[in-house]
Amino acid sequence: MQERYTRFLKDISGGIDLRAIAEKYDLPHDEAKEAIERSISGTLSDIFRSDVECRLTERGCEIYVFRENGVEIFPAERLKKNILRAVKYDFIFALHNEAVAQGYEKLRYLAGGTTCGHIAAVFEDRIFVELDGGAGKLVVGVCEREQQMPKERGRYRPGNYYSFYISSVTPSSNGRVPVLKVSLSRISKSLTEGLLRKEITERLLDIKFRCVKRAAGIFSLVEAKGRIPRECIKAVSDELKERIIIHNV
């Protein structure tokens, strides 16, 4: 079944393997198929000024046009080139929208946590980060200048690897194209807490603590109800390039 309608999609897109595009967007096959069907149905409904339902089946693309006097089965091969262009544009856009929506559902729960990633690009003092475990190219991890450590500003280079605090996860747009924007911080007190929590959890320890003050790149002051192992403190200190001061309370 996949072969027949995949061939149809390649035919209307000038040979582009649109199933590969769906895979690039990390969409399950069935959900990508449904998004394409909805998009083609909507595009043709607007063009034909009638209700249209499209189904991708083992026979290819089936188009049903609902008229006042009944249902017409419209052969896909009769679609003109200008209509095919509109269909192609709209369903690629639909796949993009679907991927952004699913990416948001996956990542919105990460707000308030920490993540790591490689610097993908630096532009006008903003750094764009390829996040570990993100949603492909639809995820834009952005760390603004004011959220960067002062001593690191101007020194970020593509390929560098850093840890970040996730301030927010929001649907956004790059012009008309929707994207998922992940706002990142290197100066938040919560970054120190998140990195320490990771180190402590990996050692199966249960210690209550909080970072009460931080001068990013200089020191973090942490109050703890218990002894935090020295190796945990050193690991976070090495990552942030700052002194981690622990006060037991």
C-alpha atoms as a PDB file:
ATOM      1  CA  MET A   1       0.000   0.000   0.000  1.00  0.00           C
ATOM      2  CA  GLN A   2       2.789   2.423   0.865  1.00  0.00           C
ATOM      3  CA  GLU A   3       4.403   1.959  -2.566  1.00  0.00           C
ATOM      4  CA  ARG A   4       1.330   3.002  -4.547  1.00  0.00           C
ATOM      5  CA  TYR A   5       0.577   6.287  -2.809  1.00  0.00           C
ATOM      6  CA  THR A   6       4.259   7.020  -2.268  1.00  0.00           C
ATOM      7  CA  ARG A   7       4.577   6.842  -6.058  1.00  0.00           C
ATOM      8  CA  PHE A   8       1.672   9.296  -6.380  1.00  0.00           C
ATOM      9  CA  LEU A   9       3.309  11.709  -3.955  1.00  0.00           C
ATOM     10  CA  LYS A  10       6.605  11.488  -5.837  1.00  0.00           C
ATOM     11  CA  ASP A  11       4.801  12.065  -9.129  1.00  0.00           C
ATOM     12  CA  ILE A  12       3.181  15.298  -7.982  1.00  0.00           C
ATOM     13  CA  SER A  13       6.350  16.601  -6.367  1.00  0.00           C
ATOM     14  CA  GLY A  14       8.732  16.132  -9.268  1.00  0.00           C
ATOM     15  CA  GLY A  15      10.366  12.989  -7.895  1.00  0.00           C
ATOM     16  CA  ILE A  16      10.953  14.109  -4.306  1.00  0.00           C
ATOM     17  CA  ASP A  17      10.526  11.251  -1.850  1.00  0.00           C
ATOM     18  CA  LEU A  18       7.979  12.833   0.469  1.00  0.00           C
ATOM     19  CA  ARG A  19       7.889   9.804   2.704  1.00  0.00           C
ATOM     20  CA  ALA A  20      11.522  10.622   3.458  1.00  0.00           C
ATOM     21  CA  ILE A  21      10.411  14.150   4.333  1.00  0.00           C
ATOM     22  CA  ALA A  22       7.884  12.689   6.785  1.00  0.00           C
ATOM     23  CA  GLU A  23      10.647  10.587   8.312  1.00  0.00           C
ATOM     24  CA  LYS A  24      12.841  13.667   8.555  1.00  0.00           C
ATOM     25  CA  TYR A  25      10.092  15.312  10.576  1.00  0.00           C
ATOM     26  CA  ASP A  26      10.049  12.223  12.835  1.00  0.00           C
ATOM     27  CA  LEU A  27       6.347  11.581  12.247  1.00  0.00           C
ATOM     28  CA  PRO A  28       4.810   8.105  12.587  1.00  0.00           C
ATOM     29  CA  HIS A  29       3.802   6.826   9.152  1.00  0.00           C
ATOM     30  CA  ASP A  30       0.046   6.692   9.853  1.00  0.00           C
ATOM     31  CA  GLU A  31      -0.039  10.198  11.314  1.00  0.00           C
ATOM     32  CA  ALA A  32       1.932  11.597   8.384  1.00  0.00           C
ATOM     33  CA  LYS A  33      -0.518   9.891   6.013  1.00  0.00           C
ATOM     34  CA  GLU A  34      -3.528  11.372   7.823  1.00  0.00           C
ATOM     35  CA  ALA A  35      -1.967  14.855   7.801  1.00  0.00           C
ATOM     36  CA  ILE A  36      -1.378  14.600   4.035  1.00  0.00           C
ATOM     37  CA  GLU A  37      -4.947  13.392   3.429  1.00  0.00           C
ATOM     38  CA  ARG A  38      -6.407  16.289   5.458  1.00  0.00           C
ATOM     39  CA  SER A  39      -4.220  18.781   3.634  1.00  0.00           C
ATOM     40  CA  ILE A  40      -5.056  17.547   0.118  1.00  0.00           C
ATOM     41  CA  SER A  41      -8.759  17.415   1.032  1.00  0.00           C
ATOM     42  CA  GLY A  42      -8.691  21.007   2.276  1.00  0.00           C
ATOM     43  CA  THR A  43      -6.714  22.332  -0.701  1.00  0.00           C
ATOM     44  CA  LEU A  44      -8.980  20.682  -3.263  1.00  0.00           C
ATOM     45  CA  SER A  45     -12.110  21.757  -1.376  1.00  0.00           C
ATOM     46  CA  ASP A  46     -11.008  25.375  -1.730  1.00  0.00           C
ATOM     47  CA  ILE A  47     -10.116  24.955  -5.411  1.00  0.00           C
ATOM     48  CA  PHE A  48     -13.248  22.975  -6.418  1.00  0.00           C
ATOM     49  CA  ARG A  49     -15.504  25.021  -4.099  1.00  0.00           C
ATOM     50  CA  SER A  50     -17.067  21.782  -2.940  1.00  0.00           C
ATOM     51  CA  ASP A  51     -16.447  19.336  -0.130  1.00  0.00           C
ATOM     52  CA  VAL A  52     -13.608  17.035  -1.162  1.00  0.00           C
ATOM     53  CA  GLU A  53     -12.272  13.975   0.621  1.00  0.00           C
ATOM     54  CA  CYS A  54      -8.908  12.486  -0.302  1.00  0.00           C
ATOM     55  CA  ARG A  55      -7.814   8.981   0.648  1.00  0.00           C
ATOM     56  CA  LEU A  56      -4.399   7.439   0.072  1.00  0.00           C
ATOM     57  CA  THR A  57      -4.992   3.740  -0.570  1.00  0.00           C
ATOM     58  CA  GLU A  58      -3.313   0.776  -2.208  1.00  0.00           C
ATOM     59  CA  ARG A  59      -4.764   2.069  -5.492  1.00  0.00           C
ATOM     60  CA  GLY A  60      -3.087   5.452  -5.151  1.00  0.00           C
ATOM     61  CA  CYS A  61      -4.853   8.746  -4.387  1.00  0.00           C
ATOM     62  CA  GLU A  62      -8.657   8.555  -4.383  1.00  0.00           C
ATOM     63  CA  ILE A  63     -10.471  11.897  -4.633  1.00  0.00           C
ATOM     64  CA  TYR A  64     -14.184  12.180  -3.829  1.00  0.00           C
ATOM     65  CA  VAL A  65     -16.004  15.421  -4.723  1.00  0.00           C
ATOM     66  CA  PHE A  66     -19.373  15.877  -3.003  1.00  0.00           C
ATOM     67  CA  ARG A  67     -21.831  17.679  -5.295  1.00  0.00           C
ATOM     68  CA  GLU A  68     -25.481  18.558  -4.698  1.00  0.00           C
ATOM     69  CA  ASN A  69     -26.537  15.745  -7.026  1.00  0.00           C
ATOM     70  CA  GLY A  70     -24.160  13.095  -5.662  1.00  0.00           C
ATOM     71  CA  VAL A  71     -20.538  12.078  -5.257  1.00  0.00           C
ATOM     72  CA  GLU A  72     -18.037  12.343  -8.110  1.00  0.00           C
ATOM     73  CA  ILE A  73     -14.849  10.268  -8.137  1.00  0.00           C
ATOM     74  CA  PHE A  74     -12.211  12.581  -9.575  1.00  0.00           C
ATOM     75  CA  PRO A  75      -9.172  10.855 -11.170  1.00  0.00           C
ATOM     76  CA  ALA A  76      -5.925  12.130  -9.642  1.00  0.00           C
ATOM     77  CA  GLU A  77      -4.261  12.105 -13.054  1.00  0.00           C
ATOM     78  CA  ARG A  78      -6.659  14.864 -14.174  1.00  0.00           C
ATOM     79  CA  LEU A  79      -5.258  17.328 -11.664  1.00  0.00           C
ATOM     80  CA  LYS A  80      -3.554  20.195 -13.506  1.00  0.00           C
ATOM     81  CA  LYS A  81       0.012  21.254 -12.800  1.00  0.00           C
ATOM     82  CA  ASN A  82      -0.949  24.442 -10.978  1.00  0.00           C
ATOM     83  CA  ILE A  83      -3.247  22.426  -8.703  1.00  0.00           C
ATOM     84  CA  LEU A  84      -0.503  19.852  -8.078  1.00  0.00           C
ATOM     85  CA  ARG A  85       1.855  22.647  -7.063  1.00  0.00           C
ATOM     86  CA  ALA A  86      -0.694  23.953  -4.575  1.00  0.00           C
ATOM     87  CA  VAL A  87      -1.307  20.434  -3.244  1.00  0.00           C
ATOM     88  CA  LYS A  88       2.424  19.822  -2.832  1.00  0.00           C
ATOM     89  CA  TYR A  89       3.067  23.110  -1.032  1.00  0.00           C
ATOM     90  CA  ASP A  90       0.120  22.682   1.309  1.00  0.00           C
ATOM     91  CA  PHE A  91       0.786  19.155   2.412  1.00  0.00           C
ATOM     92  CA  ILE A  92       4.492  19.758   3.035  1.00  0.00           C
ATOM     93  CA  PHE A  93       3.380  22.688   5.163  1.00  0.00           C
ATOM     94  CA  ALA A  94       0.859  20.374   6.888  1.00  0.00           C
ATOM     95  CA  LEU A  95       3.602  17.864   7.688  1.00  0.00           C
ATOM     96  CA  HIS A  96       5.679  20.686   9.110  1.00  0.00           C
ATOM     97  CA  ASN A  97       2.761  21.840  11.295  1.00  0.00           C
ATOM     98  CA  GLU A  98       2.073  18.304  12.484  1.00  0.00           C
ATOM     99  CA  ALA A  99       5.705  17.768  13.404  1.00  0.00           C
ATOM    100  CA  VAL A 100       5.836  21.053  15.339  1.00  0.00           C
ATOM    101  CA  ALA A 101       2.659  20.136  17.234  1.00  0.00           C
ATOM    102  CA  GLN A 102       4.009  16.700  18.125  1.00  0.00           C
ATOM    103  CA  GLY A 103       7.395  18.146  19.015  1.00  0.00           C
ATOM    104  CA  TYR A 104       5.676  20.558  21.395  1.00  0.00           C
ATOM    105  CA  GLU A 105       3.835  17.714  23.112  1.00  0.00           C
ATOM    106  CA  LYS A 106       7.127  15.878  23.541  1.00  0.00           C
ATOM    107  CA  LEU A 107       9.166  18.833  24.786  1.00  0.00           C
ATOM    108  CA  ARG A 108       6.831  21.153  26.696  1.00  0.00           C
ATOM    109  CA  TYR A 109       7.292  19.069  29.836  1.00  0.00           C
ATOM    110  CA  LEU A 110      11.032  19.763  29.716  1.00  0.00           C
ATOM    111  CA  ALA A 111      10.577  23.448  30.586  1.00  0.00           C
ATOM    112  CA  GLY A 112      12.167  24.010  33.967  1.00  0.00           C
ATOM    113  CA  GLY A 113      14.733  21.266  33.426  1.00  0.00           C
ATOM    114  CA  THR A 114      18.228  21.055  32.022  1.00  0.00           C
ATOM    115  CA  THR A 115      19.525  19.792  28.704  1.00  0.00           C
ATOM    116  CA  CYS A 116      22.746  19.618  26.717  1.00  0.00           C
ATOM    117  CA  GLY A 117      23.553  20.333  23.105  1.00  0.00           C
ATOM    118  CA  HIS A 118      26.030  21.398  20.460  1.00  0.00           C
ATOM    119  CA  ILE A 119      26.195  24.963  19.189  1.00  0.00           C
ATOM    120  CA  ALA A 120      24.725  24.879  15.674  1.00  0.00           C
ATOM    121  CA  ALA A 121      25.197  28.560  14.795  1.00  0.00           C
ATOM    122  CA  VAL A 122      25.949  31.981  16.267  1.00  0.00           C
ATOM    123  CA  PHE A 123      24.111  34.977  14.863  1.00  0.00           C
ATOM    124  CA  GLU A 124      24.050  38.532  16.233  1.00  0.00           C
ATOM    125  CA  ASP A 125      25.068  37.377  19.738  1.00  0.00           C
ATOM    126  CA  ARG A 126      22.342  34.715  19.794  1.00  0.00           C
ATOM    127  CA  ILE A 127      23.420  31.106  19.912  1.00  0.00           C
ATOM    128  CA  PHE A 128      21.371  28.355  18.288  1.00  0.00           C
ATOM    129  CA  VAL A 129      21.695  24.940  19.852  1.00  0.00           C
ATOM    130  CA  GLU A 130      21.124  21.444  18.468  1.00  0.00           C
ATOM    131  CA  LEU A 131      19.593  19.838  21.536  1.00  0.00           C
ATOM    132  CA  ASP A 132      20.216  16.275  22.641  1.00  0.00           C
ATOM    133  CA  GLY A 133      17.023  14.258  22.147  1.00  0.00           C
ATOM    134  CA  GLY A 134      15.239  17.146  20.413  1.00  0.00           C
ATOM    135  CA  ALA A 135      12.773  17.078  17.506  1.00  0.00           C
ATOM    136  CA  GLY A 136      15.163  17.445  14.647  1.00  0.00           C
ATOM    137  CA  LYS A 137      15.477  20.667  12.708  1.00  0.00           C
ATOM    138  CA  LEU A 138      12.077  21.875  13.861  1.00  0.00           C
ATOM    139  CA  VAL A 139      13.459  22.548  17.319  1.00  0.00           C
ATOM    140  CA  VAL A 140      15.237  25.879  17.693  1.00  0.00           C
ATOM    141  CA  GLY A 141      17.186  26.024  20.942  1.00  0.00           C
ATOM    142  CA  VAL A 142      18.041  29.699  21.458  1.00  0.00           C
ATOM    143  CA  CYS A 143      20.220  31.279  24.116  1.00  0.00           C
ATOM    144  CA  GLU A 144      20.014  35.075  23.995  1.00  0.00           C
ATOM    145  CA  ARG A 145      22.989  37.265  24.876  1.00  0.00           C
ATOM    146  CA  GLU A 146      21.572  38.223  28.277  1.00  0.00           C
ATOM    147  CA  GLN A 147      21.245  34.514  29.166  1.00  0.00           C
ATOM    148  CA  GLN A 148      24.872  33.747  28.282  1.00  0.00           C
ATOM    149  CA  MET A 149      27.685  33.753  30.831  1.00  0.00           C
ATOM    150  CA  PRO A 150      29.498  37.097  30.555  1.00  0.00           C
ATOM    151  CA  LYS A 151      32.942  35.492  30.211  1.00  0.00           C
ATOM    152  CA  GLU A 152      31.662  33.142  27.484  1.00  0.00           C
ATOM    153  CA  ARG A 153      30.061  35.791  25.278  1.00  0.00           C
ATOM    154  CA  GLY A 154      31.756  36.022  21.907  1.00  0.00           C
ATOM    155  CA  ARG A 155      33.539  32.707  22.465  1.00  0.00           C
ATOM    156  CA  TYR A 156      30.803  30.288  21.430  1.00  0.00           C
ATOM    157  CA  ARG A 157      31.706  28.333  18.315  1.00  0.00           C
ATOM    158  CA  PRO A 158      29.730  25.818  16.229  1.00  0.00           C
ATOM    159  CA  GLY A 159      30.337  22.329  17.574  1.00  0.00           C
ATOM    160  CA  ASN A 160      30.983  23.425  21.170  1.00  0.00           C
ATOM    161  CA  TYR A 161      29.016  21.374  23.713  1.00  0.00           C
ATOM    162  CA  TYR A 162      27.278  22.974  26.723  1.00  0.00           C
ATOM    163  CA  SER A 163      24.611  22.414  29.340  1.00  0.00           C
ATOM    164  CA  PHE A 164      21.584  24.732  29.516  1.00  0.00           C
ATOM    165  CA  TYR A 165      18.562  25.452  31.668  1.00  0.00           C
ATOM    166  CA  ILE A 166      15.307  25.299  29.654  1.00  0.00           C
ATOM    167  CA  SER A 167      13.426  28.510  30.444  1.00  0.00           C
ATOM    168  CA  SER A 168      10.437  27.831  28.166  1.00  0.00           C
ATOM    169  CA  VAL A 169       9.170  25.762  25.254  1.00  0.00           C
ATOM    170  CA  THR A 170       6.800  27.600  22.899  1.00  0.00           C
ATOM    171  CA  PRO A 171       5.452  27.251  19.356  1.00  0.00           C
ATOM    172  CA  SER A 172       6.861  30.094  17.280  1.00  0.00           C
ATOM    173  CA  SER A 173       7.461  30.933  13.641  1.00  0.00           C
ATOM    174  CA  ASN A 174      10.317  31.679  11.308  1.00  0.00           C
ATOM    175  CA  GLY A 175       8.492  34.027   9.000  1.00  0.00           C
ATOM    176  CA  ARG A 176       5.400  32.025   8.030  1.00  0.00           C
ATOM    177  CA  VAL A 177       6.968  28.640   8.849  1.00  0.00           C
ATOM    178  CA  PRO A 178       6.121  27.286  12.319  1.00  0.00           C
ATOM    179  CA  VAL A 179       8.953  26.117  14.537  1.00  0.00           C
ATOM    180  CA  LEU A 180       9.325  25.060  18.128  1.00  0.00           C
ATOM    181  CA  LYS A 181      11.359  27.553  20.135  1.00  0.00           C
ATOM    182  CA  VAL A 182      13.220  26.373  23.215  1.00  0.00           C
ATOM    183  CA  SER A 183      14.537  29.302  25.269  1.00  0.00           C
ATOM    184  CA  LEU A 184      17.803  28.452  27.022  1.00  0.00           C
ATOM    185  CA  SER A 185      19.889  29.961  29.801  1.00  0.00           C
ATOM    186  CA  ARG A 186      23.468  29.537  30.980  1.00  0.00           C
ATOM    187  CA  ILE A 187      23.124  31.960  33.920  1.00  0.00           C
ATOM    188  CA  SER A 188      20.090  30.641  35.804  1.00  0.00           C
ATOM    189  CA  LYS A 189      20.463  29.353  39.380  1.00  0.00           C
ATOM    190  CA  SER A 190      18.324  26.450  38.207  1.00  0.00           C
ATOM    191  CA  LEU A 191      21.136  25.301  35.889  1.00  0.00           C
ATOM    192  CA  THR A 192      23.396  24.762  38.906  1.00  0.00           C
ATOM    193  CA  GLU A 193      20.560  22.930  40.681  1.00  0.00           C
ATOM    194  CA  GLY A 194      19.777  20.771  37.659  1.00  0.00           C
ATOM    195  CA  LEU A 195      23.380  19.722  37.102  1.00  0.00           C
ATOM    196  CA  LEU A 196      23.870  18.932  40.796  1.00  0.00           C
ATOM    197  CA  ARG A 197      20.613  16.966  40.880  1.00  0.00           C
ATOM    198  CA  LYS A 198      21.757  14.905  37.919  1.00  0.00           C
ATOM    199  CA  GLU A 199      25.065  14.060  39.613  1.00  0.00           C
ATOM    200  CA  ILE A 200      23.387  13.207  42.924  1.00  0.00           C
ATOM    201  CA  THR A 201      20.638  11.115  41.307  1.00  0.00           C
ATOM    202  CA  GLU A 202      23.164   9.098  39.321  1.00  0.00           C
ATOM    203  CA  ARG A 203      24.736   8.106  42.643  1.00  0.00           C
ATOM    204  CA  LEU A 204      21.312   7.062  44.024  1.00  0.00           C
ATOM    205  CA  LEU A 205      21.440   9.681  46.771  1.00  0.00           C
ATOM    206  CA  ASP A 206      18.531  11.630  48.256  1.00  0.00           C
ATOM    207  CA  ILE A 207      19.726  15.057  49.382  1.00  0.00           C
ATOM    208  CA  LYS A 208      17.565  18.171  49.574  1.00  0.00           C
ATOM    209  CA  PHE A 209      19.294  21.331  48.384  1.00  0.00           C
ATOM    210  CA  ARG A 210      18.749  24.596  46.526  1.00  0.00           C
ATOM    211  CA  CYS A 211      20.902  27.208  44.870  1.00  0.00           C
ATOM    212  CA  VAL A 212      20.224  30.461  46.711  1.00  0.00           C
ATOM    213  CA  LYS A 213      22.603  32.746  44.823  1.00  0.00           C
ATOM    214  CA  ARG A 214      24.652  32.663  41.665  1.00  0.00           C
ATOM    215  CA  ALA A 215      27.103  34.955  39.894  1.00  0.00           C
ATOM    216  CA  ALA A 216      27.380  33.046  36.626  1.00  0.00           C
ATOM    217  CA  GLY A 217      30.961  32.068  35.850  1.00  0.00           C
ATOM    218  CA  ILE A 218      32.165  33.067  39.344  1.00  0.00           C
ATOM    219  CA  PHE A 219      30.281  31.116  42.019  1.00  0.00           C
ATOM    220  CA  SER A 220      27.055  29.387  43.012  1.00  0.00           C
ATOM    221  CA  LEU A 221      25.935  29.286  46.645  1.00  0.00           C
ATOM    222  CA  VAL A 222      24.029  26.112  47.491  1.00  0.00           C
ATOM    223  CA  GLU A 223      22.232  25.278  50.746  1.00  0.00           C
ATOM    224  CA  ALA A 224      22.009  21.545  51.376  1.00  0.00           C
ATOM    225  CA  LYS A 225      20.381  19.329  54.000  1.00  0.00           C
ATOM    226  CA  GLY A 226      23.036  16.659  53.827  1.00  0.00           C
ATOM    227  CA  ARG A 227      26.553  16.094  52.595  1.00  0.00           C
ATOM    228  CA  ILE A 228      26.942  16.427  48.834  1.00  0.00           C
ATOM    229  CA  PRO A 229      29.846  14.240  47.603  1.00  0.00           C
ATOM    230  CA  ARG A 230      32.930  16.119  46.517  1.00  0.00           C
ATOM    231  CA  GLU A 231      32.919  14.450  43.084  1.00  0.00           C
ATOM    232  CA  CYS A 232      29.413  15.833  42.415  1.00  0.00           C
ATOM    233  CA  ILE A 233      30.530  19.318  43.297  1.00  0.00           C
ATOM    234  CA  LYS A 234      33.662  19.036  41.147  1.00  0.00           C
ATOM    235  CA  ALA A 235      31.713  17.782  38.119  1.00  0.00           C
ATOM    236  CA  VAL A 236      29.367  20.795  38.216  1.00  0.00           C
ATOM    237  CA  SER A 237      32.204  23.208  38.951  1.00  0.00           C
ATOM    238  CA  ASP A 238      34.150  21.906  35.939  1.00  0.00           C
ATOM    239  CA  GLU A 239      31.086  22.210  33.680  1.00  0.00           C
ATOM    240  CA  LEU A 240      30.208  25.780  34.714  1.00  0.00           C
ATOM    241  CA  LYS A 241      33.801  26.942  35.242  1.00  0.00           C
ATOM    242  CA  GLU A 242      32.828  28.466  38.587  1.00  0.00           C
ATOM    243  CA  ARG A 243      33.173  27.733  42.291  1.00  0.00           C
ATOM    244  CA  ILE A 244      30.349  25.750  43.916  1.00  0.00           C
ATOM    245  CA  ILE A 245      29.987  26.748  47.577  1.00  0.00           C
ATOM    246  CA  ILE A 246      27.977  24.365  49.759  1.00  0.00           C
ATOM    247  CA  HIS A 247      26.404  25.480  53.055  1.00  0.00           C
ATOM    248  CA  ASN A 248      24.961  22.660  55.134  1.00  0.00           C
ATOM    249  CA  VAL A 249      21.767  23.732  56.890  1.00  0.00           C
END
